């Protein structure tokens, strides 16, 4: 702002200002313009004239040759994935459409897309239909599960909860949000509908007031599925089911089984409040004759919710424990490598138990024992993929409690863990390799 009144004086002042602040002129022109606008009209015109007469540097065109060409299939995974889609067959999808038209009747004459039936059948629309897992076929006759590569079974049980109940609704929650998904994964370049067979056998009939009777029911269900050669996918339920699920698989094989257990909690006490609660499954699972505690790998353990009663058992049985600090130090790839090395050592198969509370509590509010400081979702999914690609004899995801969830995000995370595990096995050709360990008949508990 200037108090000069003579045009000459004002012009000289502006010229001096511009000469002393050339950086302001070339790189901050709005400041110069604002300064001139606050002066007299004549000064504004003179300032504009000076500004316009000064030479401006020519802006060179930047060449960023170090950036990858996004359309070069040899460079980006995104472009490779787009090209790979054409290689995936559409046979099962077309069969599903044909079946839907047959069972659901052809759509109204005003519908231009003639693949749309009158009654919803199959994948679409995502908001309609009966909520089986991924809208897979519901197999009412449990004797037929052996016709499928994998079988989903719900374990609606929270009798082992020691704080917040609600995991009995976990299977419902996971199935409900699974309607959101398609069977195709762009990045992996696989379509589960085309490359494997999947069914949903429904839920195990658990007894809410009785842990031991429920355990027998759960072992019965899992042993039956495993004995047929179908891959058991277990939707919990609280983590007390970790014992009867492993017991069910171990009962139909003479081979040794390792366990990869992802959790924030140790879950290896003998008892909790005088019962085999969800803090105890791996004490009892590693008592089974073909499940050695040295093949139990526990990933993510830590925080303020590991009861001291569990620690002596971990030390005595020499389980393999990796905390979040270990994960930060070694990285997910190395942790997975070490976990697989220990779980598979002397074993013929590995079972994966995934507790949803192993993930940072901000991402999974719908669980009974949330603990901050856990895995990030991408870390969790990468770990699951690295473990599953080597092959599994079964898997479970537990501790999803929809009553405490928000917008189904915890159920969605549990769903993603399951489908990523299936995708890893399918893409690496390890789906079904567990069948070779089944060498004993199913005997009901």
Foldseek 3Di string as FASTA:
>chain_A
DDPDDDLVVLLVVLVVVCVVPVVCLQPVVVVSLVVQVVDDPSSNVSSVVVSVPDDHDDDDDDDDPVDDDPCPCVPDLLNVLVVLLVVFDCVLVVVQLVVCCVVQPFDDPVDPPRSDGNDDGPLPPLQDDDQDQLSAAADQPLLCLLVFLAEEEEELAQLQDPFDDFFSCQNVLLSSCNSVDAQADSSLSDRCSRQTHYYYHYYFDADHNDDVRRLLSLLQSLLSNLLSLHAYEYEDDAQLNVQSNLVSNCVQFPFAEAEEEEDQEDLPACADPNHSHNSHRVVRNCVDPRYQQQLYAYEAHDDDPYDPNRVVVCVVSVHHYYHLVNCVVPPLVVSLVVNCCRNPVRGDFYEYEYELLQEACVQQQQFRDHGHDHHHLVSLLVNLLSNLLVDHRYYYYGGGRVVRGDPSRSSVSSSSSVSSSVSSNSSNVRRSVNSVRRDHHRDRD
